[in-house]
Amino acid sequence: MCQKTNADTFQSNLGSQSYVDLNLFKKKFVIFLWILNQSLTNKKGEFIPNLTIFNMLFFCGQKET
């Protein structure tokens, strides 16, 4: 995804730590950032841990994200 969009930075939640290979990002000179999604909620206001940025975009919208 980073290569297709010419991104130099990628963010992922802490829940992906067990399967992300940081060396792949380093080899491609992509900065990898861990994020802690403490403020993400669904429409009912319930906290949902370990969501991705895509979940946030779809549920919260571009402005809130």
N, C-alpha and C. Protein backbone atom coordinates (compact mmCIF):
# COMPACT_ATOMS: atom_id res chain seq x y z
N MET A 1 0.82 -1.17 0.00
CA MET A 1 0.00 0.00 0.00
C MET A 1 0.88 1.26 0.00
N CYS A 2 1.92 1.27 0.79
CA CYS A 2 2.80 2.44 0.85
C CYS A 2 3.47 2.69 -0.49
N GLN A 3 3.92 1.62 -1.14
CA GLN A 3 4.57 1.77 -2.43
C GLN A 3 3.60 2.31 -3.48
N LYS A 4 2.39 1.80 -3.49
CA LYS A 4 1.39 2.22 -4.48
C LYS A 4 1.02 3.70 -4.34
N THR A 5 1.07 4.20 -3.12
CA THR A 5 0.66 5.59 -2.86
C THR A 5 1.86 6.52 -2.65
N ASN A 6 3.07 5.98 -2.78
CA ASN A 6 4.31 6.75 -2.54
C ASN A 6 4.36 7.35 -1.14
N ALA A 7 3.81 6.61 -0.17
CA ALA A 7 3.82 7.07 1.22
C ALA A 7 5.18 6.84 1.85
N ASP A 8 5.58 7.74 2.72
CA ASP A 8 6.86 7.58 3.42
C ASP A 8 6.64 7.26 4.90
N THR A 9 5.37 7.20 5.33
CA THR A 9 5.03 6.92 6.71
C THR A 9 3.81 6.01 6.77
N PHE A 10 3.81 5.09 7.71
CA PHE A 10 2.68 4.18 7.90
C PHE A 10 2.36 4.12 9.38
N GLN A 11 1.07 4.16 9.72
CA GLN A 11 0.64 4.07 11.12
C GLN A 11 -0.17 2.81 11.30
N SER A 12 0.03 2.17 12.44
CA SER A 12 -0.75 0.99 12.77
C SER A 12 -0.99 0.96 14.27
N ASN A 13 -2.07 0.29 14.67
CA ASN A 13 -2.37 0.21 16.09
C ASN A 13 -1.48 -0.82 16.78
N LEU A 14 -1.44 -0.73 18.09
CA LEU A 14 -0.59 -1.63 18.87
C LEU A 14 -1.01 -3.09 18.74
N GLY A 15 -2.24 -3.34 18.37
CA GLY A 15 -2.71 -4.71 18.21
C GLY A 15 -2.03 -5.47 17.10
N SER A 16 -1.36 -4.76 16.19
CA SER A 16 -0.71 -5.43 15.07
C SER A 16 0.77 -5.76 15.34
N GLN A 17 1.23 -5.51 16.54
CA GLN A 17 2.63 -5.75 16.88
C GLN A 17 3.07 -7.19 16.66
N SER A 18 2.17 -8.13 16.83
CA SER A 18 2.56 -9.53 16.75
C SER A 18 2.83 -10.00 15.32
N TYR A 19 2.37 -9.27 14.32
CA TYR A 19 2.56 -9.74 12.95
C TYR A 19 3.21 -8.73 11.99
N VAL A 20 3.46 -7.52 12.42
CA VAL A 20 4.11 -6.54 11.55
C VAL A 20 5.62 -6.78 11.53
N ASP A 21 6.19 -6.85 10.35
CA ASP A 21 7.63 -7.01 10.19
C ASP A 21 8.23 -5.63 9.92
N LEU A 22 8.77 -5.01 10.95
CA LEU A 22 9.31 -3.65 10.84
C LEU A 22 10.48 -3.58 9.87
N ASN A 23 11.20 -4.69 9.69
CA ASN A 23 12.33 -4.69 8.77
C ASN A 23 11.90 -4.42 7.33
N LEU A 24 10.70 -4.87 6.96
CA LEU A 24 10.21 -4.60 5.60
C LEU A 24 10.02 -3.11 5.37
N PHE A 25 9.54 -2.41 6.38
CA PHE A 25 9.36 -0.97 6.27
C PHE A 25 10.71 -0.25 6.22
N LYS A 26 11.64 -0.70 7.05
CA LYS A 26 12.98 -0.10 7.06
C LYS A 26 13.67 -0.25 5.72
N LYS A 27 13.54 -1.43 5.11
CA LYS A 27 14.18 -1.68 3.80
C LYS A 27 13.65 -0.74 2.73
N LYS A 28 12.40 -0.36 2.84
CA LYS A 28 11.77 0.53 1.85
C LYS A 28 11.79 1.99 2.29
N PHE A 29 12.50 2.27 3.40
CA PHE A 29 12.63 3.63 3.93
C PHE A 29 11.28 4.26 4.26
N VAL A 30 10.40 3.43 4.83
CA VAL A 30 9.08 3.90 5.26
C VAL A 30 9.10 3.98 6.79
N ILE A 31 8.73 5.14 7.31
CA ILE A 31 8.67 5.34 8.75
C ILE A 31 7.43 4.63 9.28
N PHE A 32 7.60 3.83 10.31
CA PHE A 32 6.48 3.10 10.90
C PHE A 32 6.17 3.68 12.26
N LEU A 33 4.91 4.05 12.49
CA LEU A 33 4.49 4.63 13.76
C LEU A 33 3.42 3.77 14.41
N TRP A 34 3.59 3.51 15.69
CA TRP A 34 2.55 2.81 16.45
C TRP A 34 1.61 3.86 17.02
N ILE A 35 0.32 3.59 16.95
CA ILE A 35 -0.66 4.50 17.53
C ILE A 35 -1.51 3.74 18.55
N LEU A 36 -1.92 4.45 19.56
CA LEU A 36 -2.78 3.89 20.59
C LEU A 36 -4.15 4.54 20.43
N ASN A 37 -5.12 3.76 20.03
CA ASN A 37 -6.45 4.27 19.71
C ASN A 37 -7.33 4.32 20.95
N GLN A 38 -6.98 5.13 21.89
CA GLN A 38 -7.77 5.20 23.12
C GLN A 38 -9.09 5.94 22.92
N SER A 39 -9.17 6.80 21.93
CA SER A 39 -10.36 7.65 21.80
C SER A 39 -11.35 7.14 20.77
N LEU A 40 -11.10 6.01 20.12
CA LEU A 40 -12.03 5.53 19.11
C LEU A 40 -13.26 4.91 19.74
N THR A 41 -14.40 5.31 19.27
CA THR A 41 -15.65 4.77 19.76
C THR A 41 -16.54 4.43 18.59
N ASN A 42 -17.50 3.56 18.80
CA ASN A 42 -18.46 3.30 17.75
C ASN A 42 -19.61 4.30 17.87
N LYS A 43 -20.65 4.17 17.08
CA LYS A 43 -21.75 5.14 17.08
C LYS A 43 -22.49 5.17 18.41
N LYS A 44 -22.42 4.10 19.20
CA LYS A 44 -23.09 4.06 20.50
C LYS A 44 -22.21 4.64 21.60
N GLY A 45 -21.00 5.05 21.27
CA GLY A 45 -20.11 5.62 22.26
C GLY A 45 -19.28 4.61 23.02
N GLU A 46 -19.35 3.34 22.62
CA GLU A 46 -18.61 2.28 23.29
C GLU A 46 -17.18 2.22 22.76
N PHE A 47 -16.19 2.10 23.65
CA PHE A 47 -14.80 1.99 23.23
C PHE A 47 -14.55 0.65 22.55
N ILE A 48 -13.84 0.68 21.43
CA ILE A 48 -13.47 -0.53 20.70
C ILE A 48 -11.95 -0.52 20.55
N PRO A 49 -11.22 -1.39 21.23
CA PRO A 49 -9.76 -1.38 21.15
C PRO A 49 -9.24 -1.94 19.83
N ASN A 50 -8.04 -1.52 19.47
CA ASN A 50 -7.28 -2.07 18.34
C ASN A 50 -7.92 -1.91 16.97
N LEU A 51 -8.61 -0.81 16.76
CA LEU A 51 -9.16 -0.54 15.43
C LEU A 51 -8.06 0.01 14.53
N THR A 52 -8.24 -0.15 13.23
CA THR A 52 -7.29 0.42 12.28
C THR A 52 -7.76 1.79 11.84
N ILE A 53 -6.91 2.50 11.14
CA ILE A 53 -7.27 3.82 10.62
C ILE A 53 -8.44 3.71 9.64
N PHE A 54 -8.55 2.57 8.97
CA PHE A 54 -9.66 2.37 8.03
C PHE A 54 -10.98 2.29 8.79
N ASN A 55 -10.98 1.60 9.93
CA ASN A 55 -12.18 1.55 10.76
C ASN A 55 -12.58 2.96 11.19
N MET A 56 -11.60 3.72 11.60
CA MET A 56 -11.87 5.08 12.05
C MET A 56 -12.46 5.92 10.92
N LEU A 57 -11.89 5.81 9.72
CA LEU A 57 -12.41 6.57 8.58
C LEU A 57 -13.86 6.21 8.28
N PHE A 58 -14.17 4.92 8.28
CA PHE A 58 -15.53 4.49 7.94
C PHE A 58 -16.53 4.82 9.02
N PHE A 59 -16.13 4.72 10.29
CA PHE A 59 -17.08 4.93 11.38
C PHE A 59 -17.12 6.37 11.88
N CYS A 60 -16.01 7.08 11.80
CA CYS A 60 -15.96 8.44 12.33
C CYS A 60 -16.00 9.50 11.23
N GLY A 61 -15.62 9.12 10.03
CA GLY A 61 -15.61 10.08 8.94
C GLY A 61 -14.27 10.81 8.82
N GLN A 62 -14.08 11.46 7.71
CA GLN A 62 -12.80 12.12 7.42
C GLN A 62 -12.50 13.26 8.39
N LYS A 63 -13.48 14.05 8.72
CA LYS A 63 -13.25 15.22 9.59
C LYS A 63 -12.82 14.80 10.99
N GLU A 64 -13.55 13.84 11.57
CA GLU A 64 -13.22 13.38 12.91
C GLU A 64 -11.89 12.64 12.95
N THR A 65 -11.60 11.89 11.90
CA THR A 65 -10.35 11.15 11.83
C THR A 65 -9.19 12.10 11.80
